[in-house]
Protein backbone atom coordinates (compact mmCIF):
# COMPACT_ATOMS: atom_id res chain seq x y z
CA MET A 1 131.90 146.59 -130.83
CA ASN A 2 129.27 145.34 -128.43
CA PHE A 3 126.78 148.04 -127.45
CA LYS A 4 122.98 147.89 -127.22
CA PRO A 5 121.18 151.23 -126.73
CA LEU A 6 118.35 151.18 -124.20
CA GLY A 7 114.80 152.46 -124.64
CA ASP A 8 114.36 155.01 -127.41
CA ARG A 9 118.06 155.56 -128.09
CA LEU A 10 120.18 155.01 -131.22
CA LEU A 11 123.89 154.34 -131.68
CA VAL A 12 125.07 156.45 -134.62
CA GLU A 13 128.37 156.72 -136.50
CA ARG A 14 128.87 160.23 -137.87
CA VAL A 15 129.12 160.56 -141.65
CA GLU A 16 132.33 162.37 -142.61
CA GLU A 17 132.17 165.52 -144.72
CA THR A 18 134.51 166.16 -147.63
CA ASN A 19 137.70 168.09 -146.89
CA THR A 20 137.45 170.43 -149.90
CA THR A 21 134.97 173.06 -150.97
CA ALA A 22 133.34 173.13 -154.42
CA SER A 23 136.06 175.54 -155.56
CA GLY A 24 138.84 173.17 -154.39
CA ILE A 25 139.86 174.91 -151.16
CA ILE A 26 141.06 172.38 -148.57
CA ILE A 27 139.43 172.75 -145.15
CA PRO A 28 141.70 171.84 -142.21
CA ASP A 29 140.30 169.36 -139.68
CA ASN A 30 140.25 171.92 -136.86
CA ALA A 31 138.05 174.29 -138.93
CA LYS A 32 135.38 171.73 -139.77
CA GLU A 33 132.17 171.43 -137.82
CA LYS A 34 131.03 167.99 -136.82
CA PRO A 35 128.53 166.68 -139.34
CA SER A 36 124.90 166.47 -138.38
CA GLU A 37 124.32 163.20 -140.23
CA GLY A 38 125.08 159.67 -139.23
CA LYS A 39 124.50 156.02 -139.98
CA VAL A 40 122.43 154.10 -137.43
CA LEU A 41 124.38 151.10 -136.12
CA ALA A 42 122.07 149.89 -133.33
CA ILE A 43 118.65 150.76 -131.92
CA GLY A 44 116.93 150.35 -128.58
CA ASN A 45 113.84 148.18 -128.07
CA ASP A 46 111.45 151.17 -128.06
CA VAL A 47 112.57 152.54 -131.45
CA GLU A 48 110.03 152.09 -134.24
CA GLU A 49 110.61 154.98 -136.67
CA VAL A 50 114.29 154.32 -137.45
CA LYS A 51 116.05 151.16 -138.66
CA VAL A 52 119.67 150.01 -138.56
CA ASP A 53 121.63 151.35 -141.59
CA ASP A 54 119.35 154.41 -141.98
CA ILE A 55 121.14 157.74 -142.50
CA VAL A 56 119.66 160.19 -140.00
CA VAL A 57 119.91 163.96 -139.66
CA PHE A 58 120.13 165.39 -136.15
CA GLY A 59 120.66 168.70 -134.40
CA LYS A 60 124.16 170.12 -134.12
CA TYR A 61 124.39 169.73 -130.32
CA SER A 62 122.29 166.57 -129.98
CA GLY A 63 123.27 163.34 -128.30
CA THR A 64 126.12 162.11 -126.17
CA ASP A 65 129.58 161.31 -127.54
CA LEU A 66 130.81 157.80 -126.80
CA VAL A 67 134.14 156.10 -127.54
CA LEU A 68 134.06 152.34 -128.12
CA ASP A 69 137.18 150.41 -129.12
CA GLY A 70 138.94 153.70 -129.84
CA LYS A 71 136.29 154.91 -132.30
CA GLU A 72 133.87 157.82 -131.75
CA TYR A 73 130.11 157.28 -131.86
CA LEU A 74 127.04 159.23 -130.82
CA VAL A 75 124.09 158.06 -128.72
CA LEU A 76 120.88 159.89 -129.70
CA GLU A 77 117.33 159.78 -128.46
CA VAL A 78 114.74 159.34 -131.20
CA SER A 79 113.43 162.83 -130.40
CA ASP A 80 116.87 164.24 -131.43
CA VAL A 81 116.45 162.88 -134.97
CA LEU A 82 115.14 165.50 -137.39
CA GLY A 83 114.65 163.11 -140.29
CA ILE A 84 115.88 160.16 -142.32
CA LYS A 85 117.76 160.66 -145.59
CA GLY A 86 117.03 158.52 -148.55
């Protein structure tokens, strides 16, 4: 993958949720919501608060979906990031 976000943007790979609940009920793929966490893969030149490999939390409807080499990613602005896990 060769993608460099511009300005204050981040390239994020969503972190997958588990497919079962605590009680063992399996959740089908079409019933799951997209996770609101992701691993930062690349950052733009104007990004100072976030580093590559950080796990970030973002709003449910934030960012723009992007498909690169058949894999789904998300491009976020730094202002869409609610916090960094860790």
